[in-house]
mmCIF file of all heavy atoms, coordinates in Angstrom:
data_MODEL
# 
_entry.id   MODEL 
# 
loop_
_atom_site.group_PDB 
_atom_site.id 
_atom_site.type_symbol 
_atom_site.label_atom_id 
_atom_site.label_alt_id 
_atom_site.label_comp_id 
_atom_site.label_asym_id 
_atom_site.label_entity_id 
_atom_site.label_seq_id 
_atom_site.pdbx_PDB_ins_code 
_atom_site.Cartn_x 
_atom_site.Cartn_y 
_atom_site.Cartn_z 
_atom_site.occupancy 
_atom_site.B_iso_or_equiv 
_atom_site.pdbx_formal_charge 
_atom_site.auth_seq_id 
_atom_site.auth_comp_id 
_atom_site.auth_asym_id 
_atom_site.auth_atom_id 
_atom_site.pdbx_PDB_model_num 
ATOM 1   N N   . PHE A 1 1  ? -11.233 -20.843 -4.625 1.00 0.00 ? 1  PHE A N   1 
ATOM 2   C CA  . PHE A 1 1  ? -11.797 -20.509 -3.312 1.00 0.00 ? 1  PHE A CA  1 
ATOM 3   C C   . PHE A 1 1  ? -11.223 -19.207 -2.759 1.00 0.00 ? 1  PHE A C   1 
ATOM 4   O O   . PHE A 1 1  ? -12.012 -18.350 -2.281 1.00 0.00 ? 1  PHE A O   1 
ATOM 5   C CB  . PHE A 1 1  ? -11.574 -21.638 -2.326 1.00 0.00 ? 1  PHE A CB  1 
ATOM 6   C CG  . PHE A 1 1  ? -12.132 -21.484 -0.954 1.00 0.00 ? 1  PHE A CG  1 
ATOM 7   C CD1 . PHE A 1 1  ? -13.449 -21.986 -0.681 1.00 0.00 ? 1  PHE A CD1 1 
ATOM 8   C CD2 . PHE A 1 1  ? -11.568 -20.765 -0.031 1.00 0.00 ? 1  PHE A CD2 1 
ATOM 9   C CE1 . PHE A 1 1  ? -13.953 -21.834 0.621  1.00 0.00 ? 1  PHE A CE1 1 
ATOM 10  C CE2 . PHE A 1 1  ? -12.071 -20.570 1.230  1.00 0.00 ? 1  PHE A CE2 1 
ATOM 11  C CZ  . PHE A 1 1  ? -13.309 -21.177 1.509  1.00 0.00 ? 1  PHE A CZ  1 
ATOM 12  N N   . THR A 1 2  ? -9.965  -19.099 -2.751 1.00 0.00 ? 2  THR A N   1 
ATOM 13  C CA  . THR A 1 2  ? -9.314  -18.043 -2.011 1.00 0.00 ? 2  THR A CA  1 
ATOM 14  C C   . THR A 1 2  ? -9.699  -16.650 -2.454 1.00 0.00 ? 2  THR A C   1 
ATOM 15  O O   . THR A 1 2  ? -10.120 -15.832 -1.629 1.00 0.00 ? 2  THR A O   1 
ATOM 16  C CB  . THR A 1 2  ? -7.806  -18.233 -1.936 1.00 0.00 ? 2  THR A CB  1 
ATOM 17  O OG1 . THR A 1 2  ? -7.515  -19.500 -1.316 1.00 0.00 ? 2  THR A OG1 1 
ATOM 18  C CG2 . THR A 1 2  ? -7.105  -17.156 -1.144 1.00 0.00 ? 2  THR A CG2 1 
ATOM 19  N N   . PRO A 1 3  ? -9.567  -16.251 -3.754 1.00 0.00 ? 3  PRO A N   1 
ATOM 20  C CA  . PRO A 1 3  ? -9.911  -14.919 -4.104 1.00 0.00 ? 3  PRO A CA  1 
ATOM 21  C C   . PRO A 1 3  ? -11.413 -14.595 -3.934 1.00 0.00 ? 3  PRO A C   1 
ATOM 22  O O   . PRO A 1 3  ? -11.721 -13.427 -3.591 1.00 0.00 ? 3  PRO A O   1 
ATOM 23  C CB  . PRO A 1 3  ? -9.498  -14.855 -5.608 1.00 0.00 ? 3  PRO A CB  1 
ATOM 24  C CG  . PRO A 1 3  ? -9.348  -16.246 -6.037 1.00 0.00 ? 3  PRO A CG  1 
ATOM 25  C CD  . PRO A 1 3  ? -8.974  -17.032 -4.881 1.00 0.00 ? 3  PRO A CD  1 
ATOM 26  N N   . THR A 1 4  ? -12.279 -15.634 -4.128 1.00 0.00 ? 4  THR A N   1 
ATOM 27  C CA  . THR A 1 4  ? -13.649 -15.377 -3.864 1.00 0.00 ? 4  THR A CA  1 
ATOM 28  C C   . THR A 1 4  ? -13.922 -15.074 -2.414 1.00 0.00 ? 4  THR A C   1 
ATOM 29  O O   . THR A 1 4  ? -14.642 -14.148 -2.062 1.00 0.00 ? 4  THR A O   1 
ATOM 30  C CB  . THR A 1 4  ? -14.456 -16.609 -4.347 1.00 0.00 ? 4  THR A CB  1 
ATOM 31  O OG1 . THR A 1 4  ? -14.172 -17.021 -5.654 1.00 0.00 ? 4  THR A OG1 1 
ATOM 32  C CG2 . THR A 1 4  ? -15.943 -16.379 -4.155 1.00 0.00 ? 4  THR A CG2 1 
ATOM 33  N N   . PHE A 1 5  ? -13.256 -15.821 -1.531 1.00 0.00 ? 5  PHE A N   1 
ATOM 34  C CA  . PHE A 1 5  ? -13.349 -15.584 -0.068 1.00 0.00 ? 5  PHE A CA  1 
ATOM 35  C C   . PHE A 1 5  ? -12.874 -14.213 0.293  1.00 0.00 ? 5  PHE A C   1 
ATOM 36  O O   . PHE A 1 5  ? -13.502 -13.478 1.049  1.00 0.00 ? 5  PHE A O   1 
ATOM 37  C CB  . PHE A 1 5  ? -12.639 -16.711 0.657  1.00 0.00 ? 5  PHE A CB  1 
ATOM 38  C CG  . PHE A 1 5  ? -12.696 -16.528 2.162  1.00 0.00 ? 5  PHE A CG  1 
ATOM 39  C CD1 . PHE A 1 5  ? -13.738 -17.199 2.843  1.00 0.00 ? 5  PHE A CD1 1 
ATOM 40  C CD2 . PHE A 1 5  ? -11.802 -15.848 2.875  1.00 0.00 ? 5  PHE A CD2 1 
ATOM 41  C CE1 . PHE A 1 5  ? -13.771 -17.108 4.263  1.00 0.00 ? 5  PHE A CE1 1 
ATOM 42  C CE2 . PHE A 1 5  ? -11.912 -15.754 4.258  1.00 0.00 ? 5  PHE A CE2 1 
ATOM 43  C CZ  . PHE A 1 5  ? -12.850 -16.393 4.945  1.00 0.00 ? 5  PHE A CZ  1 
ATOM 44  N N   . GLN A 1 6  ? -11.684 -13.855 -0.183 1.00 0.00 ? 6  GLN A N   1 
ATOM 45  C CA  . GLN A 1 6  ? -11.033 -12.628 0.102  1.00 0.00 ? 6  GLN A CA  1 
ATOM 46  C C   . GLN A 1 6  ? -11.864 -11.379 -0.302 1.00 0.00 ? 6  GLN A C   1 
ATOM 47  O O   . GLN A 1 6  ? -11.949 -10.375 0.341  1.00 0.00 ? 6  GLN A O   1 
ATOM 48  C CB  . GLN A 1 6  ? -9.589  -12.460 -0.447 1.00 0.00 ? 6  GLN A CB  1 
ATOM 49  C CG  . GLN A 1 6  ? -8.597  -13.505 0.167  1.00 0.00 ? 6  GLN A CG  1 
ATOM 50  C CD  . GLN A 1 6  ? -7.311  -13.500 -0.605 1.00 0.00 ? 6  GLN A CD  1 
ATOM 51  O OE1 . GLN A 1 6  ? -7.202  -13.204 -1.755 1.00 0.00 ? 6  GLN A OE1 1 
ATOM 52  N NE2 . GLN A 1 6  ? -6.224  -13.757 0.134  1.00 0.00 ? 6  GLN A NE2 1 
ATOM 53  N N   . SER A 1 7  ? -12.488 -11.496 -1.435 1.00 0.00 ? 7  SER A N   1 
ATOM 54  C CA  . SER A 1 7  ? -13.240 -10.418 -2.002 1.00 0.00 ? 7  SER A CA  1 
ATOM 55  C C   . SER A 1 7  ? -14.580 -10.137 -1.260 1.00 0.00 ? 7  SER A C   1 
ATOM 56  O O   . SER A 1 7  ? -15.158 -9.146  -1.387 1.00 0.00 ? 7  SER A O   1 
ATOM 57  C CB  . SER A 1 7  ? -13.503 -10.576 -3.497 1.00 0.00 ? 7  SER A CB  1 
ATOM 58  O OG  . SER A 1 7  ? -14.366 -11.683 -3.681 1.00 0.00 ? 7  SER A OG  1 
ATOM 59  N N   . THR A 1 8  ? -14.948 -11.210 -0.487 1.00 0.00 ? 8  THR A N   1 
ATOM 60  C CA  . THR A 1 8  ? -16.182 -11.078 0.281  1.00 0.00 ? 8  THR A CA  1 
ATOM 61  C C   . THR A 1 8  ? -16.031 -10.202 1.544  1.00 0.00 ? 8  THR A C   1 
ATOM 62  O O   . THR A 1 8  ? -16.920 -9.524  1.958  1.00 0.00 ? 8  THR A O   1 
ATOM 63  C CB  . THR A 1 8  ? -16.687 -12.497 0.726  1.00 0.00 ? 8  THR A CB  1 
ATOM 64  O OG1 . THR A 1 8  ? -16.864 -13.344 -0.391 1.00 0.00 ? 8  THR A OG1 1 
ATOM 65  C CG2 . THR A 1 8  ? -17.923 -12.483 1.541  1.00 0.00 ? 8  THR A CG2 1 
ATOM 66  N N   . ILE A 1 9  ? -14.829 -10.144 2.083  1.00 0.00 ? 9  ILE A N   1 
ATOM 67  C CA  . ILE A 1 9  ? -14.524 -9.494  3.388  1.00 0.00 ? 9  ILE A CA  1 
ATOM 68  C C   . ILE A 1 9  ? -14.783 -8.005  3.305  1.00 0.00 ? 9  ILE A C   1 
ATOM 69  O O   . ILE A 1 9  ? -15.490 -7.458  4.176  1.00 0.00 ? 9  ILE A O   1 
ATOM 70  C CB  . ILE A 1 9  ? -13.099 -9.799  3.895  1.00 0.00 ? 9  ILE A CB  1 
ATOM 71  C CG1 . ILE A 1 9  ? -12.940 -11.301 4.003  1.00 0.00 ? 9  ILE A CG1 1 
ATOM 72  C CG2 . ILE A 1 9  ? -12.945 -9.101  5.269  1.00 0.00 ? 9  ILE A CG2 1 
ATOM 73  C CD1 . ILE A 1 9  ? -13.917 -12.003 4.842  1.00 0.00 ? 9  ILE A CD1 1 
ATOM 74  N N   . PRO A 1 10 ? -14.193 -7.235  2.299  1.00 0.00 ? 10 PRO A N   1 
ATOM 75  C CA  . PRO A 1 10 ? -14.550 -5.858  2.308  1.00 0.00 ? 10 PRO A CA  1 
ATOM 76  C C   . PRO A 1 10 ? -15.983 -5.451  2.124  1.00 0.00 ? 10 PRO A C   1 
ATOM 77  O O   . PRO A 1 10 ? -16.373 -4.374  2.517  1.00 0.00 ? 10 PRO A O   1 
ATOM 78  C CB  . PRO A 1 10 ? -13.666 -5.290  1.114  1.00 0.00 ? 10 PRO A CB  1 
ATOM 79  C CG  . PRO A 1 10 ? -13.237 -6.480  0.400  1.00 0.00 ? 10 PRO A CG  1 
ATOM 80  C CD  . PRO A 1 10 ? -13.273 -7.661  1.275  1.00 0.00 ? 10 PRO A CD  1 
ATOM 81  N N   . ASP A 1 11 ? -16.722 -6.354  1.505  1.00 0.00 ? 11 ASP A N   1 
ATOM 82  C CA  . ASP A 1 11 ? -18.161 -6.123  1.377  1.00 0.00 ? 11 ASP A CA  1 
ATOM 83  C C   . ASP A 1 11 ? -18.930 -6.398  2.675  1.00 0.00 ? 11 ASP A C   1 
ATOM 84  O O   . ASP A 1 11 ? -19.927 -5.806  2.980  1.00 0.00 ? 11 ASP A O   1 
ATOM 85  C CB  . ASP A 1 11 ? -18.821 -6.959  0.227  1.00 0.00 ? 11 ASP A CB  1 
ATOM 86  C CG  . ASP A 1 11 ? -18.338 -6.546  -1.143 1.00 0.00 ? 11 ASP A CG  1 
ATOM 87  O OD1 . ASP A 1 11 ? -18.098 -5.333  -1.343 1.00 0.00 ? 11 ASP A OD1 1 
ATOM 88  O OD2 . ASP A 1 11 ? -18.025 -7.463  -1.990 1.00 0.00 ? 11 ASP A OD2 1 
ATOM 89  N N   . THR A 1 12 ? -18.280 -7.295  3.476  1.00 0.00 ? 12 THR A N   1 
ATOM 90  C CA  . THR A 1 12 ? -18.904 -7.654  4.773  1.00 0.00 ? 12 THR A CA  1 
ATOM 91  C C   . THR A 1 12 ? -18.551 -6.487  5.819  1.00 0.00 ? 12 THR A C   1 
ATOM 92  O O   . THR A 1 12 ? -19.343 -6.154  6.610  1.00 0.00 ? 12 THR A O   1 
ATOM 93  C CB  . THR A 1 12 ? -18.287 -8.953  5.245  1.00 0.00 ? 12 THR A CB  1 
ATOM 94  O OG1 . THR A 1 12 ? -18.611 -9.936  4.300  1.00 0.00 ? 12 THR A OG1 1 
ATOM 95  C CG2 . THR A 1 12 ? -18.974 -9.335  6.681  1.00 0.00 ? 12 THR A CG2 1 
ATOM 96  N N   . LEU A 1 13 ? -17.326 -5.929  5.656  1.00 0.00 ? 13 LEU A N   1 
ATOM 97  C CA  . LEU A 1 13 ? -16.855 -4.915  6.599  1.00 0.00 ? 13 LEU A CA  1 
ATOM 98  C C   . LEU A 1 13 ? -16.473 -3.697  5.735  1.00 0.00 ? 13 LEU A C   1 
ATOM 99  O O   . LEU A 1 13 ? -15.282 -3.404  5.497  1.00 0.00 ? 13 LEU A O   1 
ATOM 100 C CB  . LEU A 1 13 ? -15.691 -5.391  7.387  1.00 0.00 ? 13 LEU A CB  1 
ATOM 101 C CG  . LEU A 1 13 ? -15.871 -6.636  8.333  1.00 0.00 ? 13 LEU A CG  1 
ATOM 102 C CD1 . LEU A 1 13 ? -14.591 -7.108  8.875  1.00 0.00 ? 13 LEU A CD1 1 
ATOM 103 C CD2 . LEU A 1 13 ? -16.850 -6.269  9.436  1.00 0.00 ? 13 LEU A CD2 1 
ATOM 104 N N   . PRO A 1 14 ? -17.398 -2.771  5.377  1.00 0.00 ? 14 PRO A N   1 
ATOM 105 C CA  . PRO A 1 14 ? -17.097 -1.716  4.500  1.00 0.00 ? 14 PRO A CA  1 
ATOM 106 C C   . PRO A 1 14 ? -16.284 -0.588  5.203  1.00 0.00 ? 14 PRO A C   1 
ATOM 107 O O   . PRO A 1 14 ? -15.589 0.139   4.545  1.00 0.00 ? 14 PRO A O   1 
ATOM 108 C CB  . PRO A 1 14 ? -18.470 -1.164  4.052  1.00 0.00 ? 14 PRO A CB  1 
ATOM 109 C CG  . PRO A 1 14 ? -19.410 -1.624  5.142  1.00 0.00 ? 14 PRO A CG  1 
ATOM 110 C CD  . PRO A 1 14 ? -18.850 -2.962  5.614  1.00 0.00 ? 14 PRO A CD  1 
ATOM 111 N N   . ASN A 1 15 ? -16.304 -0.462  6.469  1.00 0.00 ? 15 ASN A N   1 
ATOM 112 C CA  . ASN A 1 15 ? -15.502 0.480   7.251  1.00 0.00 ? 15 ASN A CA  1 
ATOM 113 C C   . ASN A 1 15 ? -13.997 0.156   7.119  1.00 0.00 ? 15 ASN A C   1 
ATOM 114 O O   . ASN A 1 15 ? -13.591 -0.968  7.314  1.00 0.00 ? 15 ASN A O   1 
ATOM 115 C CB  . ASN A 1 15 ? -15.890 0.559   8.704  1.00 0.00 ? 15 ASN A CB  1 
ATOM 116 C CG  . ASN A 1 15 ? -15.098 1.583   9.495  1.00 0.00 ? 15 ASN A CG  1 
ATOM 117 O OD1 . ASN A 1 15 ? -14.024 1.229   10.008 1.00 0.00 ? 15 ASN A OD1 1 
ATOM 118 N ND2 . ASN A 1 15 ? -15.558 2.821   9.598  1.00 0.00 ? 15 ASN A ND2 1 
ATOM 119 N N   . GLU A 1 16 ? -13.182 1.223   6.658  1.00 0.00 ? 16 GLU A N   1 
ATOM 120 C CA  . GLU A 1 16 ? -11.788 0.900   6.446  1.00 0.00 ? 16 GLU A CA  1 
ATOM 121 C C   . GLU A 1 16 ? -10.989 0.401   7.645  1.00 0.00 ? 16 GLU A C   1 
ATOM 122 O O   . GLU A 1 16 ? -10.185 -0.504  7.647  1.00 0.00 ? 16 GLU A O   1 
ATOM 123 C CB  . GLU A 1 16 ? -11.011 2.123   5.931  1.00 0.00 ? 16 GLU A CB  1 
ATOM 124 C CG  . GLU A 1 16 ? -9.628  1.899   5.486  1.00 0.00 ? 16 GLU A CG  1 
ATOM 125 C CD  . GLU A 1 16 ? -8.931  3.046   4.788  1.00 0.00 ? 16 GLU A CD  1 
ATOM 126 O OE1 . GLU A 1 16 ? -9.702  3.975   4.427  1.00 0.00 ? 16 GLU A OE1 1 
ATOM 127 O OE2 . GLU A 1 16 ? -7.741  3.066   4.629  1.00 0.00 ? 16 GLU A OE2 1 
ATOM 128 N N   . ASP A 1 17 ? -11.266 0.984   8.870  1.00 0.00 ? 17 ASP A N   1 
ATOM 129 C CA  . ASP A 1 17 ? -10.607 0.513   10.144 1.00 0.00 ? 17 ASP A CA  1 
ATOM 130 C C   . ASP A 1 17 ? -10.926 -0.872  10.431 1.00 0.00 ? 17 ASP A C   1 
ATOM 131 O O   . ASP A 1 17 ? -10.085 -1.731  10.837 1.00 0.00 ? 17 ASP A O   1 
ATOM 132 C CB  . ASP A 1 17 ? -10.889 1.440   11.246 1.00 0.00 ? 17 ASP A CB  1 
ATOM 133 C CG  . ASP A 1 17 ? -10.255 2.821   11.181 1.00 0.00 ? 17 ASP A CG  1 
ATOM 134 O OD1 . ASP A 1 17 ? -9.272  2.952   10.400 1.00 0.00 ? 17 ASP A OD1 1 
ATOM 135 O OD2 . ASP A 1 17 ? -10.741 3.768   11.789 1.00 0.00 ? 17 ASP A OD2 1 
ATOM 136 N N   . ASP A 1 18 ? -12.255 -1.249  10.254 1.00 0.00 ? 18 ASP A N   1 
ATOM 137 C CA  . ASP A 1 18 ? -12.706 -2.602  10.505 1.00 0.00 ? 18 ASP A CA  1 
ATOM 138 C C   . ASP A 1 18 ? -11.997 -3.527  9.499  1.00 0.00 ? 18 ASP A C   1 
ATOM 139 O O   . ASP A 1 18 ? -11.593 -4.709  9.892  1.00 0.00 ? 18 ASP A O   1 
ATOM 140 C CB  . ASP A 1 18 ? -14.216 -2.707  10.375 1.00 0.00 ? 18 ASP A CB  1 
ATOM 141 C CG  . ASP A 1 18 ? -14.937 -2.082  11.521 1.00 0.00 ? 18 ASP A CG  1 
ATOM 142 O OD1 . ASP A 1 18 ? -14.319 -1.853  12.591 1.00 0.00 ? 18 ASP A OD1 1 
ATOM 143 O OD2 . ASP A 1 18 ? -16.146 -1.839  11.373 1.00 0.00 ? 18 ASP A OD2 1 
ATOM 144 N N   . TYR A 1 19 ? -11.891 -3.128  8.347  1.00 0.00 ? 19 TYR A N   1 
ATOM 145 C CA  . TYR A 1 19 ? -11.287 -3.984  7.305  1.00 0.00 ? 19 TYR A CA  1 
ATOM 146 C C   . TYR A 1 19 ? -9.848  -4.157  7.569  1.00 0.00 ? 19 TYR A C   1 
ATOM 147 O O   . TYR A 1 19 ? -9.272  -5.256  7.421  1.00 0.00 ? 19 TYR A O   1 
ATOM 148 C CB  . TYR A 1 19 ? -11.502 -3.367  5.927  1.00 0.00 ? 19 TYR A CB  1 
ATOM 149 C CG  . TYR A 1 19 ? -10.888 -4.148  4.760  1.00 0.00 ? 19 TYR A CG  1 
ATOM 150 C CD1 . TYR A 1 19 ? -11.192 -5.528  4.651  1.00 0.00 ? 19 TYR A CD1 1 
ATOM 151 C CD2 . TYR A 1 19 ? -10.034 -3.608  3.800  1.00 0.00 ? 19 TYR A CD2 1 
ATOM 152 C CE1 . TYR A 1 19 ? -10.650 -6.309  3.670  1.00 0.00 ? 19 TYR A CE1 1 
ATOM 153 C CE2 . TYR A 1 19 ? -9.497  -4.389  2.787  1.00 0.00 ? 19 TYR A CE2 1 
ATOM 154 C CZ  . TYR A 1 19 ? -9.820  -5.738  2.711  1.00 0.00 ? 19 TYR A CZ  1 
ATOM 155 O OH  . TYR A 1 19 ? -9.282  -6.482  1.718  1.00 0.00 ? 19 TYR A OH  1 
ATOM 156 N N   . THR A 1 20 ? -9.123  -3.147  7.973  1.00 0.00 ? 20 THR A N   1 
ATOM 157 C CA  . THR A 1 20 ? -7.730  -3.301  8.466  1.00 0.00 ? 20 THR A CA  1 
ATOM 158 C C   . THR A 1 20 ? -7.600  -4.328  9.623  1.00 0.00 ? 20 THR A C   1 
ATOM 159 O O   . THR A 1 20 ? -6.648  -5.110  9.577  1.00 0.00 ? 20 THR A O   1 
ATOM 160 C CB  . THR A 1 20 ? -7.165  -1.909  8.819  1.00 0.00 ? 20 THR A CB  1 
ATOM 161 O OG1 . THR A 1 20 ? -7.243  -0.989  7.787  1.00 0.00 ? 20 THR A OG1 1 
ATOM 162 C CG2 . THR A 1 20 ? -5.656  -2.048  9.280  1.00 0.00 ? 20 THR A CG2 1 
ATOM 163 N N   . ARG A 1 21 ? -8.406  -4.157  10.547 1.00 0.00 ? 21 ARG A N   1 
ATOM 164 C CA  . ARG A 1 21 ? -8.408  -5.199  11.614 1.00 0.00 ? 21 ARG A CA  1 
ATOM 165 C C   . ARG A 1 21 ? -8.679  -6.614  11.145 1.00 0.00 ? 21 ARG A C   1 
ATOM 166 O O   . ARG A 1 21 ? -8.108  -7.643  11.526 1.00 0.00 ? 21 ARG A O   1 
ATOM 167 C CB  . ARG A 1 21 ? -9.459  -4.823  12.691 1.00 0.00 ? 21 ARG A CB  1 
ATOM 168 C CG  . ARG A 1 21 ? -9.177  -3.506  13.400 1.00 0.00 ? 21 ARG A CG  1 
ATOM 169 C CD  . ARG A 1 21 ? -10.140 -3.217  14.533 1.00 0.00 ? 21 ARG A CD  1 
ATOM 170 N NE  . ARG A 1 21 ? -10.050 -1.969  15.148 1.00 0.00 ? 21 ARG A NE  1 
ATOM 171 C CZ  . ARG A 1 21 ? -10.806 -0.906  14.817 1.00 0.00 ? 21 ARG A CZ  1 
ATOM 172 N NH1 . ARG A 1 21 ? -11.824 -1.073  13.907 1.00 0.00 ? 21 ARG A NH1 1 
ATOM 173 N NH2 . ARG A 1 21 ? -10.553 0.263   15.349 1.00 0.00 ? 21 ARG A NH2 1 
ATOM 174 N N   . ALA A 1 22 ? -9.624  -6.698  10.157 1.00 0.00 ? 22 ALA A N   1 
ATOM 175 C CA  . ALA A 1 22 ? -9.906  -8.036  9.553  1.00 0.00 ? 22 ALA A CA  1 
ATOM 176 C C   . ALA A 1 22 ? -8.698  -8.602  8.838  1.00 0.00 ? 22 ALA A C   1 
ATOM 177 O O   . ALA A 1 22 ? -8.420  -9.786  8.839  1.00 0.00 ? 22 ALA A O   1 
ATOM 178 C CB  . ALA A 1 22 ? -11.125 -7.899  8.623  1.00 0.00 ? 22 ALA A CB  1 
ATOM 179 N N   . LEU A 1 23 ? -8.010  -7.705  8.136  1.00 0.00 ? 23 LEU A N   1 
ATOM 180 C CA  . LEU A 1 23 ? -6.796  -8.142  7.443  1.00 0.00 ? 23 LEU A CA  1 
ATOM 181 C C   . LEU A 1 23 ? -5.766  -8.787  8.484  1.00 0.00 ? 23 LEU A C   1 
ATOM 182 O O   . LEU A 1 23 ? -5.026  -9.752  8.226  1.00 0.00 ? 23 LEU A O   1 
ATOM 183 C CB  . LEU A 1 23 ? -6.167  -7.076  6.654  1.00 0.00 ? 23 LEU A CB  1 
ATOM 184 C CG  . LEU A 1 23 ? -6.926  -6.554  5.410  1.00 0.00 ? 23 LEU A CG  1 
ATOM 185 C CD1 . LEU A 1 23 ? -6.234  -5.302  4.885  1.00 0.00 ? 23 LEU A CD1 1 
ATOM 186 C CD2 . LEU A 1 23 ? -6.950  -7.676  4.399  1.00 0.00 ? 23 LEU A CD2 1 
ATOM 187 N N   . SER A 1 24 ? -5.534  -8.037  9.571  1.00 0.00 ? 24 SER A N   1 
ATOM 188 C CA  . SER A 1 24 ? -4.659  -8.559  10.622 1.00 0.00 ? 24 SER A CA  1 
ATOM 189 C C   . SER A 1 24 ? -5.097  -9.903  11.171 1.00 0.00 ? 24 SER A C   1 
ATOM 190 O O   . SER A 1 24 ? -4.361  -10.854 11.380 1.00 0.00 ? 24 SER A O   1 
ATOM 191 C CB  . SER A 1 24 ? -4.506  -7.529  11.751 1.00 0.00 ? 24 SER A CB  1 
ATOM 192 O OG  . SER A 1 24 ? -3.777  -6.402  11.272 1.00 0.00 ? 24 SER A OG  1 
ATOM 193 N N   . LEU A 1 25 ? -6.443  -10.023 11.426 1.00 0.00 ? 25 LEU A N   1 
ATOM 194 C CA  . LEU A 1 25 ? -6.995  -11.288 11.898 1.00 0.00 ? 25 LEU A CA  1 
ATOM 195 C C   . LEU A 1 25 ? -6.815  -12.404 10.856 1.00 0.00 ? 25 LEU A C   1 
ATOM 196 O O   . LEU A 1 25 ? -6.528  -13.511 11.157 1.00 0.00 ? 25 LEU A O   1 
ATOM 197 C CB  . LEU A 1 25 ? -8.462  -11.169 12.233 1.00 0.00 ? 25 LEU A CB  1 
ATOM 198 C CG  . LEU A 1 25 ? -8.837  -10.479 13.641 1.00 0.00 ? 25 LEU A CG  1 
ATOM 199 C CD1 . LEU A 1 25 ? -10.322 -10.407 13.808 1.00 0.00 ? 25 LEU A CD1 1 
ATOM 200 C CD2 . LEU A 1 25 ? -8.182  -11.331 14.742 1.00 0.00 ? 25 LEU A CD2 1 
ATOM 201 N N   . SER A 1 26 ? -7.008  -12.014 9.551  1.00 0.00 ? 26 SER A N   1 
ATOM 202 C CA  . SER A 1 26 ? -6.821  -12.996 8.440  1.00 0.00 ? 26 SER A CA  1 
ATOM 203 C C   . SER A 1 26 ? -5.383  -13.456 8.448  1.00 0.00 ? 26 SER A C   1 
ATOM 204 O O   . SER A 1 26 ? -5.141  -14.626 8.261  1.00 0.00 ? 26 SER A O   1 
ATOM 205 C CB  . SER A 1 26 ? -7.228  -12.370 7.181  1.00 0.00 ? 26 SER A CB  1 
ATOM 206 O OG  . SER A 1 26 ? -7.064  -13.275 6.073  1.00 0.00 ? 26 SER A OG  1 
# 
C-alpha cells in the first residue's frame, strides 16, 4: 500500500512547492 500511495502524490501535485507542502502534511 505505502509506496503505491506515496508515488501517487507527486502526480497529483506536480508543482514542486505544492509537493513540498504535501510532504510536510504527510
